[in-house]
Structures are given as C-alpha cells and as structure tokens.
C-alpha cells in the first residue's frame, strides 16, 4: 500500500481520512488506544476471512472508507470490490493502491447490481450506524453465494462501559433513520450484544460460524490507560490482551470492547 502525503487541493473527505491512515497503517501513532484497538480489529477480521475464503475469492467491502481493508485483501490475492457512499473516496483509495485486483463500486451497495454473488461480504464498524441492523444483515446475506460468508465487526454491546440501547429493546427503530450513517462513535445508534448478533443472523438466514470478542480496556485506551499505553511495550499490551481473552466467557463478554462475527449462508445441497 502506497504512502500518500496530504495536499491542500484534496477534497475534505480525503483530508478527513488521512489522520486515520496515520494511526492505522502509516504508524504515526498519537492515540495509542485507537491504534491498538484498530490493530486488534484488523488482525481478527483478516484472520476470519483468510480461514474460510481461498485466495482468489471475491470479496465485497461495504462502506470501505479509505480502503485499508480492501487494499490489504487485494494485496493478499483476493479479488476485491471496494464500496462506499462517498464516491470521491474511490480516487483516494486508488492513490494508495499498489498491487492486487480491486474494483470500485461507489454508492449504496444494496442498490447496486453485481453480475454474481460474492464469496464474502465484509462490513467493518457499520451495523451500529444503521437504524435497521436486521434489514442491513439480511441484504448483506443476499449478496453472498450459498455457502459464502458475511464477516462484520462492531462494538460489543455487553462491554461494561456501554451506555447505548440494545436493538432488541427498541420498539420503533424508524425514529433513528434521520441520524443513521453518522461518523465515528457519535454516529452509533445501537450496540449489538452477542445474543443479538446470533438472533439477527438467524433472521437473515445465516448461522454464526465464529464469534470473537477482543480489545480489553487497556488496549482500547479506556479508564485513563492512554498514558500507560505510551509507556508499556507493545508486546506486554498484547500479552495482557491474550490473558484477558483466556478468562471465563462471562468475564470476556463484559471486558472486551469489540465483537467480530463470521456468518455463513447455508449451502445448497442436491
């Protein structure tokens, strides 16, 4: 992935994306909690894809933003289609593209027409921004082939610091339609609990193939641990993360800030 440098002529969306690239891929870290949490999410996501989708498989990256997952997967040998509502970001992603097969399909992914279904649909940090996560997941499921996968990440609603409502406790999600698709944590509407992720998957005709919980309060920079992250060696932070992940499931469910889910669409048997 090419390293780019900001220019005054860049569109606002490029200028908005670039500071995230500094934290996520270029290693210019100022917010260690954000950077370490992103690294955990990136590692978990790529592993979930790599374990079940052979190299050369077709992947749709919904709301792929500045394209860091799309570009990485293309470099790994996958045939990737990048998507985002912000059409002008496509040229920003092209600027960073160095190798691998990647197509661009800006717009509402669910309104676009693709010639064939995908082996995997990827949706990282999206479902918590939509007013109808059940409908979102159902539409994503329809875009993968039988036997294919939907891989998503989202903040863990069971995390002890979460104060947002459960989707299942909201009788009228239509009230949130005007504020959906907002950026960053300010745009979070619901946070999905593990049981809700299973319920929504079942409603969409999907089964959970894998559910991961990751990123503890230290590696997330929560509870005033940002200062500690600047001092502690990364290997120690990673070690504490592994120890946390090995705790009893009831504890892990409460102390891990993020979820990663791999759903599978049932195969057709003849």
C-alpha atoms as a PDB file:
ATOM      1  CA  UNK A   1       0.000   0.000   0.000  1.00  0.00           C
ATOM      2  CA  UNK A   2       1.482   3.302  -1.055  1.00  0.00           C
ATOM      3  CA  UNK A   3       2.150   6.029   1.479  1.00  0.00           C
ATOM      4  CA  UNK A   4       0.482   9.264   0.411  1.00  0.00           C
ATOM      5  CA  UNK A   5       1.081  12.805   1.593  1.00  0.00           C
ATOM      6  CA  UNK A   6      -1.650  15.417   2.090  1.00  0.00           C
ATOM      7  CA  UNK A   7      -2.106  18.273  -0.326  1.00  0.00           C
ATOM      8  CA  UNK A   8      -4.108  21.470   0.090  1.00  0.00           C
ATOM      9  CA  UNK A   9      -6.152  20.646  -3.011  1.00  0.00           C
ATOM     10  CA  UNK A  10      -7.505  17.424  -1.553  1.00  0.00           C
ATOM     11  CA  UNK A  11     -11.292  17.127  -1.068  1.00  0.00           C
ATOM     12  CA  UNK A  12     -12.486  17.409   2.519  1.00  0.00           C
ATOM     13  CA  UNK A  13     -13.241  13.688   2.745  1.00  0.00           C
ATOM     14  CA  UNK A  14      -9.617  12.888   1.864  1.00  0.00           C
ATOM     15  CA  UNK A  15      -8.340  15.321   4.484  1.00  0.00           C
ATOM     16  CA  UNK A  16     -10.718  13.748   6.998  1.00  0.00           C
ATOM     17  CA  UNK A  17      -9.484  10.220   6.169  1.00  0.00           C
ATOM     18  CA  UNK A  18      -5.760  10.893   6.192  1.00  0.00           C
ATOM     19  CA  UNK A  19      -5.314  11.271  10.005  1.00  0.00           C
ATOM     20  CA  UNK A  20      -6.924   7.846  10.405  1.00  0.00           C
ATOM     21  CA  UNK A  21      -4.420   6.410   7.932  1.00  0.00           C
ATOM     22  CA  UNK A  22      -1.599   7.854  10.016  1.00  0.00           C
ATOM     23  CA  UNK A  23      -2.867   5.872  13.022  1.00  0.00           C
ATOM     24  CA  UNK A  24      -3.998   2.753  11.167  1.00  0.00           C
ATOM     25  CA  UNK A  25      -1.367   1.985   8.532  1.00  0.00           C
ATOM     26  CA  UNK A  26       1.441   4.536   8.478  1.00  0.00           C
ATOM     27  CA  UNK A  27       2.493   4.100  12.102  1.00  0.00           C
ATOM     28  CA  UNK A  28       2.376   7.776  13.091  1.00  0.00           C
ATOM     29  CA  UNK A  29       0.584   6.999  16.358  1.00  0.00           C
ATOM     30  CA  UNK A  30      -0.662   9.726  18.658  1.00  0.00           C
ATOM     31  CA  UNK A  31      -3.762   7.925  20.001  1.00  0.00           C
ATOM     32  CA  UNK A  32      -2.439   4.566  21.182  1.00  0.00           C
ATOM     33  CA  UNK A  33      -5.823   3.277  22.310  1.00  0.00           C
ATOM     34  CA  UNK A  34      -7.321   3.880  18.881  1.00  0.00           C
ATOM     35  CA  UNK A  35      -4.310   2.443  17.065  1.00  0.00           C
ATOM     36  CA  UNK A  36      -4.071  -0.718  19.192  1.00  0.00           C
ATOM     37  CA  UNK A  37      -7.823  -1.322  19.029  1.00  0.00           C
ATOM     38  CA  UNK A  38      -7.665  -0.938  15.252  1.00  0.00           C
ATOM     39  CA  UNK A  39      -4.778  -3.399  15.025  1.00  0.00           C
ATOM     40  CA  UNK A  40      -6.778  -5.944  17.037  1.00  0.00           C
ATOM     41  CA  UNK A  41      -9.795  -5.469  14.793  1.00  0.00           C
ATOM     42  CA  UNK A  42      -7.705  -5.647  11.622  1.00  0.00           C
ATOM     43  CA  UNK A  43      -5.964  -8.839  12.754  1.00  0.00           C
ATOM     44  CA  UNK A  44      -9.234 -10.521  13.776  1.00  0.00           C
ATOM     45  CA  UNK A  45     -11.006  -9.513  10.562  1.00  0.00           C
ATOM     46  CA  UNK A  46      -8.290 -10.682   8.194  1.00  0.00           C
ATOM     47  CA  UNK A  47      -7.991 -13.967  10.092  1.00  0.00           C
ATOM     48  CA  UNK A  48     -11.743 -14.599   9.870  1.00  0.00           C
ATOM     49  CA  UNK A  49     -11.617 -14.047   6.100  1.00  0.00           C
ATOM     50  CA  UNK A  50      -8.393 -15.945   5.460  1.00  0.00           C
ATOM     51  CA  UNK A  51      -9.586 -19.053   7.350  1.00  0.00           C
ATOM     52  CA  UNK A  52     -12.577 -19.690   5.077  1.00  0.00           C
ATOM     53  CA  UNK A  53     -12.128 -17.812   1.780  1.00  0.00           C
ATOM     54  CA  UNK A  54      -9.431 -19.194  -0.525  1.00  0.00           C
ATOM     55  CA  UNK A  55      -7.042 -16.734  -2.140  1.00  0.00           C
ATOM     56  CA  UNK A  56      -8.637 -15.548  -5.367  1.00  0.00           C
ATOM     57  CA  UNK A  57     -12.104 -15.420  -3.801  1.00  0.00           C
ATOM     58  CA  UNK A  58     -14.398 -12.460  -4.464  1.00  0.00           C
ATOM     59  CA  UNK A  59     -14.944 -10.049  -1.557  1.00  0.00           C
ATOM     60  CA  UNK A  60     -17.212  -7.014  -1.310  1.00  0.00           C
ATOM     61  CA  UNK A  61     -16.071  -4.439   1.246  1.00  0.00           C
ATOM     62  CA  UNK A  62     -19.196  -2.446   2.149  1.00  0.00           C
ATOM     63  CA  UNK A  63     -18.604   1.133   3.338  1.00  0.00           C
ATOM     64  CA  UNK A  64     -14.890   0.571   2.876  1.00  0.00           C
ATOM     65  CA  UNK A  65     -13.992   4.239   3.546  1.00  0.00           C
ATOM     66  CA  UNK A  66     -10.304   4.895   2.848  1.00  0.00           C
ATOM     67  CA  UNK A  67      -9.901   1.325   1.668  1.00  0.00           C
ATOM     68  CA  UNK A  68      -7.390  -0.122   4.101  1.00  0.00           C
ATOM     69  CA  UNK A  69      -9.152  -3.480   4.350  1.00  0.00           C
ATOM     70  CA  UNK A  70      -9.895  -3.542   0.618  1.00  0.00           C
ATOM     71  CA  UNK A  71      -6.293  -2.784  -0.321  1.00  0.00           C
ATOM     72  CA  UNK A  72      -4.844  -5.264   2.172  1.00  0.00           C
ATOM     73  CA  UNK A  73      -7.104  -8.069   0.962  1.00  0.00           C
ATOM     74  CA  UNK A  74      -6.239  -7.267  -2.658  1.00  0.00           C
ATOM     75  CA  UNK A  75      -2.550  -7.463  -1.773  1.00  0.00           C
ATOM     76  CA  UNK A  76      -3.228 -10.876  -0.188  1.00  0.00           C
ATOM     77  CA  UNK A  77      -4.536 -12.137  -3.522  1.00  0.00           C
ATOM     78  CA  UNK A  78      -8.298 -11.676  -3.185  1.00  0.00           C
ATOM     79  CA  UNK A  79     -10.469 -10.098  -5.875  1.00  0.00           C
ATOM     80  CA  UNK A  80     -11.923  -7.170  -4.002  1.00  0.00           C
ATOM     81  CA  UNK A  81     -14.732  -4.740  -4.744  1.00  0.00           C
ATOM     82  CA  UNK A  82     -14.497  -1.538  -2.725  1.00  0.00           C
ATOM     83  CA  UNK A  83     -17.729   0.279  -1.890  1.00  0.00           C
ATOM     84  CA  UNK A  84     -18.664   3.465  -0.053  1.00  0.00           C
ATOM     85  CA  UNK A  85     -21.443   6.028  -0.237  1.00  0.00           C
ATOM     86  CA  UNK A  86     -18.804   8.740  -0.685  1.00  0.00           C
ATOM     87  CA  UNK A  87     -17.904   8.384  -4.344  1.00  0.00           C
ATOM     88  CA  UNK A  88     -14.950  10.787  -4.181  1.00  0.00           C
ATOM     89  CA  UNK A  89     -13.110   8.453  -1.783  1.00  0.00           C
ATOM     90  CA  UNK A  90     -12.575   5.992  -4.640  1.00  0.00           C
ATOM     91  CA  UNK A  91      -9.812   8.191  -6.052  1.00  0.00           C
ATOM     92  CA  UNK A  92      -8.177   8.399  -2.631  1.00  0.00           C
ATOM     93  CA  UNK A  93      -8.107   4.594  -2.440  1.00  0.00           C
ATOM     94  CA  UNK A  94      -6.714   4.428  -5.984  1.00  0.00           C
ATOM     95  CA  UNK A  95      -3.938   6.785  -4.900  1.00  0.00           C
ATOM     96  CA  UNK A  96      -2.850   4.259  -2.259  1.00  0.00           C
ATOM     97  CA  UNK A  97      -3.312   1.169  -4.456  1.00  0.00           C
ATOM     98  CA  UNK A  98      -0.027  -0.559  -5.156  1.00  0.00           C
ATOM     99  CA  UNK A  99      -0.823  -4.124  -6.194  1.00  0.00           C
ATOM    100  CA  UNK A 100      -3.663  -6.614  -6.335  1.00  0.00           C
ATOM    101  CA  UNK A 101      -7.044  -6.770  -8.047  1.00  0.00           C
ATOM    102  CA  UNK A 102      -9.571  -4.204  -6.843  1.00  0.00           C
ATOM    103  CA  UNK A 103     -12.732  -2.833  -8.448  1.00  0.00           C
ATOM    104  CA  UNK A 104     -14.686   0.210  -7.360  1.00  0.00           C
ATOM    105  CA  UNK A 105     -18.454   0.363  -6.857  1.00  0.00           C
ATOM    106  CA  UNK A 106     -19.373   3.576  -5.022  1.00  0.00           C
ATOM    107  CA  UNK A 107     -22.937   4.198  -3.909  1.00  0.00           C
ATOM    108  CA  UNK A 108     -25.486   2.335  -1.830  1.00  0.00           C
ATOM    109  CA  UNK A 109     -24.220  -1.242  -2.034  1.00  0.00           C
ATOM    110  CA  UNK A 110     -27.721  -2.647  -1.702  1.00  0.00           C
ATOM    111  CA  UNK A 111     -28.965  -0.675  -4.690  1.00  0.00           C
ATOM    112  CA  UNK A 112     -26.099  -1.638  -6.991  1.00  0.00           C
ATOM    113  CA  UNK A 113     -26.247  -4.586  -9.361  1.00  0.00           C
ATOM    114  CA  UNK A 114     -23.417  -7.092  -9.396  1.00  0.00           C
ATOM    115  CA  UNK A 115     -23.031  -9.806 -12.008  1.00  0.00           C
ATOM    116  CA  UNK A 116     -22.666 -12.598  -9.471  1.00  0.00           C
ATOM    117  CA  UNK A 117     -22.757 -13.071  -5.699  1.00  0.00           C
ATOM    118  CA  UNK A 118     -19.620 -12.772  -3.613  1.00  0.00           C
ATOM    119  CA  UNK A 119     -17.713 -15.371  -1.631  1.00  0.00           C
ATOM    120  CA  UNK A 120     -17.633 -12.939   1.280  1.00  0.00           C
ATOM    121  CA  UNK A 121     -19.213  -9.625   2.199  1.00  0.00           C
ATOM    122  CA  UNK A 122     -17.183  -7.559   4.656  1.00  0.00           C
ATOM    123  CA  UNK A 123     -18.781  -4.875   6.849  1.00  0.00           C
ATOM    124  CA  UNK A 124     -16.469  -3.450   9.497  1.00  0.00           C
ATOM    125  CA  UNK A 125     -17.889  -0.991  12.031  1.00  0.00           C
ATOM    126  CA  UNK A 126     -21.072  -0.381  10.024  1.00  0.00           C
ATOM    127  CA  UNK A 127     -24.033  -2.181  11.570  1.00  0.00           C
ATOM    128  CA  UNK A 128     -24.042   0.003  14.716  1.00  0.00           C
ATOM    129  CA  UNK A 129     -24.589   3.064  12.496  1.00  0.00           C
ATOM    130  CA  UNK A 130     -27.829   1.892  10.832  1.00  0.00           C
ATOM    131  CA  UNK A 131     -31.371   2.231  12.103  1.00  0.00           C
ATOM    132  CA  UNK A 132     -32.363  -1.232  10.872  1.00  0.00           C
ATOM    133  CA  UNK A 133     -29.460  -3.633  11.542  1.00  0.00           C
ATOM    134  CA  UNK A 134     -31.746  -6.611  10.904  1.00  0.00           C
ATOM    135  CA  UNK A 135     -32.508  -5.359   7.394  1.00  0.00           C
ATOM    136  CA  UNK A 136     -28.857  -4.481   6.804  1.00  0.00           C
ATOM    137  CA  UNK A 137     -27.737  -8.003   7.627  1.00  0.00           C
ATOM    138  CA  UNK A 138     -30.499  -9.577   5.547  1.00  0.00           C
ATOM    139  CA  UNK A 139     -29.424  -7.556   2.499  1.00  0.00           C
ATOM    140  CA  UNK A 140     -25.770  -8.390   3.064  1.00  0.00           C
ATOM    141  CA  UNK A 141     -26.639 -12.081   3.279  1.00  0.00           C
ATOM    142  CA  UNK A 142     -28.422 -11.912  -0.073  1.00  0.00           C
ATOM    143  CA  UNK A 143     -25.201 -10.726  -1.733  1.00  0.00           C
ATOM    144  CA  UNK A 144     -23.129 -13.810  -0.887  1.00  0.00           C
ATOM    145  CA  UNK A 145     -23.286 -17.135  -2.652  1.00  0.00           C
ATOM    146  CA  UNK A 146     -24.753 -20.197  -0.898  1.00  0.00           C
ATOM    147  CA  UNK A 147     -22.009 -21.437   1.383  1.00  0.00           C
ATOM    148  CA  UNK A 148     -20.432 -17.964   1.427  1.00  0.00           C
ATOM    149  CA  UNK A 149     -19.759 -15.689   4.372  1.00  0.00           C
ATOM    150  CA  UNK A 150     -20.612 -12.338   5.905  1.00  0.00           C
ATOM    151  CA  UNK A 151     -17.842 -11.011   8.149  1.00  0.00           C
ATOM    152  CA  UNK A 152     -18.505  -7.996  10.336  1.00  0.00           C
ATOM    153  CA  UNK A 153     -17.032  -6.205  13.310  1.00  0.00           C
ATOM    154  CA  UNK A 154     -18.919  -3.984  15.708  1.00  0.00           C
ATOM    155  CA  UNK A 155     -18.559  -2.640  19.259  1.00  0.00           C
ATOM    156  CA  UNK A 156     -19.629  -5.186  21.870  1.00  0.00           C
ATOM    157  CA  UNK A 157     -22.905  -4.119  23.453  1.00  0.00           C
ATOM    158  CA  UNK A 158     -22.180  -6.235  26.554  1.00  0.00           C
ATOM    159  CA  UNK A 159     -18.991  -4.260  27.298  1.00  0.00           C
ATOM    160  CA  UNK A 160     -19.311  -2.855  30.817  1.00  0.00           C
ATOM    161  CA  UNK A 161     -18.825   0.774  29.683  1.00  0.00           C
ATOM    162  CA  UNK A 162     -21.582   0.659  27.063  1.00  0.00           C
ATOM    163  CA  UNK A 163     -24.492   3.020  27.676  1.00  0.00           C
ATOM    164  CA  UNK A 164     -26.319   2.717  24.344  1.00  0.00           C
ATOM    165  CA  UNK A 165     -29.553   0.739  23.954  1.00  0.00           C
ATOM    166  CA  UNK A 166     -29.938  -2.800  22.680  1.00  0.00           C
ATOM    167  CA  UNK A 167     -31.602  -3.039  19.284  1.00  0.00           C
ATOM    168  CA  UNK A 168     -34.000  -5.658  20.660  1.00  0.00           C
ATOM    169  CA  UNK A 169     -35.194  -3.185  23.319  1.00  0.00           C
ATOM    170  CA  UNK A 170     -36.215  -0.573  20.747  1.00  0.00           C
ATOM    171  CA  UNK A 171     -39.814  -0.967  19.545  1.00  0.00           C
ATOM    172  CA  UNK A 172     -39.545   1.782  16.918  1.00  0.00           C
ATOM    173  CA  UNK A 173     -36.163   1.937  15.141  1.00  0.00           C
ATOM    174  CA  UNK A 174     -37.666   4.230  12.486  1.00  0.00           C
ATOM    175  CA  UNK A 175     -37.058   7.120  14.879  1.00  0.00           C
ATOM    176  CA  UNK A 176     -33.311   6.769  14.236  1.00  0.00           C
ATOM    177  CA  UNK A 177     -33.434   6.901  10.429  1.00  0.00           C
ATOM    178  CA  UNK A 178     -32.572  10.603  10.285  1.00  0.00           C
ATOM    179  CA  UNK A 179     -29.346  10.125  12.230  1.00  0.00           C
ATOM    180  CA  UNK A 180     -28.035   6.873  10.727  1.00  0.00           C
ATOM    181  CA  UNK A 181     -24.704   6.669   8.865  1.00  0.00           C
ATOM    182  CA  UNK A 182     -23.135   9.246  11.205  1.00  0.00           C
ATOM    183  CA  UNK A 183     -19.329   9.081  11.571  1.00  0.00           C
ATOM    184  CA  UNK A 184     -17.282   7.768  14.490  1.00  0.00           C
ATOM    185  CA  UNK A 185     -18.781   6.816  17.836  1.00  0.00           C
ATOM    186  CA  UNK A 186     -21.056   9.876  17.666  1.00  0.00           C
ATOM    187  CA  UNK A 187     -22.976   8.027  14.985  1.00  0.00           C
ATOM    188  CA  UNK A 188     -23.546   4.833  16.976  1.00  0.00           C
ATOM    189  CA  UNK A 189     -27.245   4.096  17.341  1.00  0.00           C
ATOM    190  CA  UNK A 190     -27.340   0.641  18.927  1.00  0.00           C
ATOM    191  CA  UNK A 191     -24.555  -1.599  20.151  1.00  0.00           C
ATOM    192  CA  UNK A 192     -25.079  -5.257  19.376  1.00  0.00           C
ATOM    193  CA  UNK A 193     -24.913  -7.782  22.219  1.00  0.00           C
ATOM    194  CA  UNK A 194     -23.608 -11.303  21.405  1.00  0.00           C
ATOM    195  CA  UNK A 195     -27.077 -12.844  21.700  1.00  0.00           C
ATOM    196  CA  UNK A 196     -28.471 -10.181  19.346  1.00  0.00           C
ATOM    197  CA  UNK A 197     -25.796 -10.940  16.766  1.00  0.00           C
ATOM    198  CA  UNK A 198     -26.955 -14.540  16.775  1.00  0.00           C
ATOM    199  CA  UNK A 199     -30.634 -13.563  16.645  1.00  0.00           C
ATOM    200  CA  UNK A 200     -30.114 -11.115  13.755  1.00  0.00           C
ATOM    201  CA  UNK A 201     -28.092 -13.699  11.872  1.00  0.00           C
ATOM    202  CA  UNK A 202     -30.835 -16.281  12.223  1.00  0.00           C
ATOM    203  CA  UNK A 203     -33.418 -13.774  10.954  1.00  0.00           C
ATOM    204  CA  UNK A 204     -31.203 -13.153   7.909  1.00  0.00           C
ATOM    205  CA  UNK A 205     -30.890 -16.869   7.188  1.00  0.00           C
ATOM    206  CA  UNK A 206     -27.306 -17.018   8.445  1.00  0.00           C
ATOM    207  CA  UNK A 207     -25.608 -19.123  11.083  1.00  0.00           C
ATOM    208  CA  UNK A 208     -22.717 -17.942  13.233  1.00  0.00           C
ATOM    209  CA  UNK A 209     -19.561 -19.739  12.177  1.00  0.00           C
ATOM    210  CA  UNK A 210     -17.349 -17.804  14.606  1.00  0.00           C
ATOM    211  CA  UNK A 211     -17.834 -15.103  17.246  1.00  0.00           C
ATOM    212  CA  UNK A 212     -14.793 -13.304  18.638  1.00  0.00           C
ATOM    213  CA  UNK A 213     -14.582 -10.783  21.483  1.00  0.00           C
ATOM    214  CA  UNK A 214     -11.428  -8.695  21.693  1.00  0.00           C
ATOM    215  CA  UNK A 215      -9.780  -5.444  22.902  1.00  0.00           C
ATOM    216  CA  UNK A 216      -9.749  -5.004  26.665  1.00  0.00           C
ATOM    217  CA  UNK A 217      -9.851  -1.614  28.475  1.00  0.00           C
ATOM    218  CA  UNK A 218      -6.056  -1.339  28.430  1.00  0.00           C
ATOM    219  CA  UNK A 219      -5.532  -1.958  24.723  1.00  0.00           C
ATOM    220  CA  UNK A 220      -8.544   0.244  23.982  1.00  0.00           C
ATOM    221  CA  UNK A 221      -7.121   3.144  25.996  1.00  0.00           C
ATOM    222  CA  UNK A 222     -10.164   3.278  28.266  1.00  0.00           C
ATOM    223  CA  UNK A 223     -10.234   4.054  32.002  1.00  0.00           C
ATOM    224  CA  UNK A 224      -7.322   6.508  31.677  1.00  0.00           C
ATOM    225  CA  UNK A 225      -4.957   3.848  30.312  1.00  0.00           C
ATOM    226  CA  UNK A 226      -3.789   6.039  27.416  1.00  0.00           C
ATOM    227  CA  UNK A 227      -0.798   7.193  29.477  1.00  0.00           C
ATOM    228  CA  UNK A 228       0.143   3.592  30.279  1.00  0.00           C
ATOM    229  CA  UNK A 229      -0.010   2.659  26.595  1.00  0.00           C
ATOM    230  CA  UNK A 230       2.640   5.258  25.783  1.00  0.00           C
ATOM    231  CA  UNK A 231       4.988   3.636  28.297  1.00  0.00           C
ATOM    232  CA  UNK A 232       4.287  -0.103  28.123  1.00  0.00           C
ATOM    233  CA  UNK A 233       5.992  -2.185  25.404  1.00  0.00           C
ATOM    234  CA  UNK A 234       3.552  -3.321  22.725  1.00  0.00           C
ATOM    235  CA  UNK A 235       4.454  -6.960  23.469  1.00  0.00           C
ATOM    236  CA  UNK A 236       3.258  -6.502  27.061  1.00  0.00           C
ATOM    237  CA  UNK A 237      -0.004  -4.915  25.915  1.00  0.00           C
ATOM    238  CA  UNK A 238      -0.560  -7.834  23.529  1.00  0.00           C
ATOM    239  CA  UNK A 239       0.238 -10.313  26.303  1.00  0.00           C
ATOM    240  CA  UNK A 240      -2.343  -8.762  28.615  1.00  0.00           C
ATOM    241  CA  UNK A 241      -4.837  -8.900  25.735  1.00  0.00           C
ATOM    242  CA  UNK A 242      -4.212 -12.650  25.328  1.00  0.00           C
ATOM    243  CA  UNK A 243      -4.585 -13.258  29.067  1.00  0.00           C
ATOM    244  CA  UNK A 244      -7.864 -11.308  29.066  1.00  0.00           C
ATOM    245  CA  UNK A 245      -9.179 -13.348  26.144  1.00  0.00           C
ATOM    246  CA  UNK A 246      -8.499 -16.560  28.088  1.00  0.00           C
ATOM    247  CA  UNK A 247     -10.705 -15.517  31.025  1.00  0.00           C
ATOM    248  CA  UNK A 248     -14.061 -17.265  31.624  1.00  0.00           C
ATOM    249  CA  UNK A 249     -16.568 -16.418  28.889  1.00  0.00           C
ATOM    250  CA  UNK A 250     -18.865 -14.463  31.234  1.00  0.00           C
ATOM    251  CA  UNK A 251     -15.950 -12.148  32.076  1.00  0.00           C
ATOM    252  CA  UNK A 252     -14.703 -11.873  28.494  1.00  0.00           C
ATOM    253  CA  UNK A 253     -18.187 -10.860  27.427  1.00  0.00           C
ATOM    254  CA  UNK A 254     -18.075  -7.877  29.796  1.00  0.00           C
ATOM    255  CA  UNK A 255     -14.463  -6.695  29.469  1.00  0.00           C
ATOM    256  CA  UNK A 256     -13.918  -6.888  25.709  1.00  0.00           C
ATOM    257  CA  UNK A 257     -14.979  -3.802  23.798  1.00  0.00           C
ATOM    258  CA  UNK A 258     -15.342  -5.296  20.323  1.00  0.00           C
ATOM    259  CA  UNK A 259     -17.019  -8.181  18.530  1.00  0.00           C
ATOM    260  CA  UNK A 260     -16.060  -9.939  15.338  1.00  0.00           C
ATOM    261  CA  UNK A 261     -18.603 -12.239  13.703  1.00  0.00           C
ATOM    262  CA  UNK A 262     -18.327 -14.613  10.792  1.00  0.00           C
ATOM    263  CA  UNK A 263     -21.692 -15.736   9.480  1.00  0.00           C
ATOM    264  CA  UNK A 264     -22.230 -18.419   6.866  1.00  0.00           C
ATOM    265  CA  UNK A 265     -25.052 -18.640   4.388  1.00  0.00           C
ATOM    266  CA  UNK A 266     -26.261 -22.249   4.146  1.00  0.00           C
ATOM    267  CA  UNK A 267     -25.008 -24.179   1.144  1.00  0.00           C
ATOM    268  CA  UNK A 268     -27.460 -25.709  -1.330  1.00  0.00           C
ATOM    269  CA  UNK A 269     -27.372 -29.499  -1.234  1.00  0.00           C
ATOM    270  CA  UNK A 270     -28.650 -31.513  -4.176  1.00  0.00           C
END
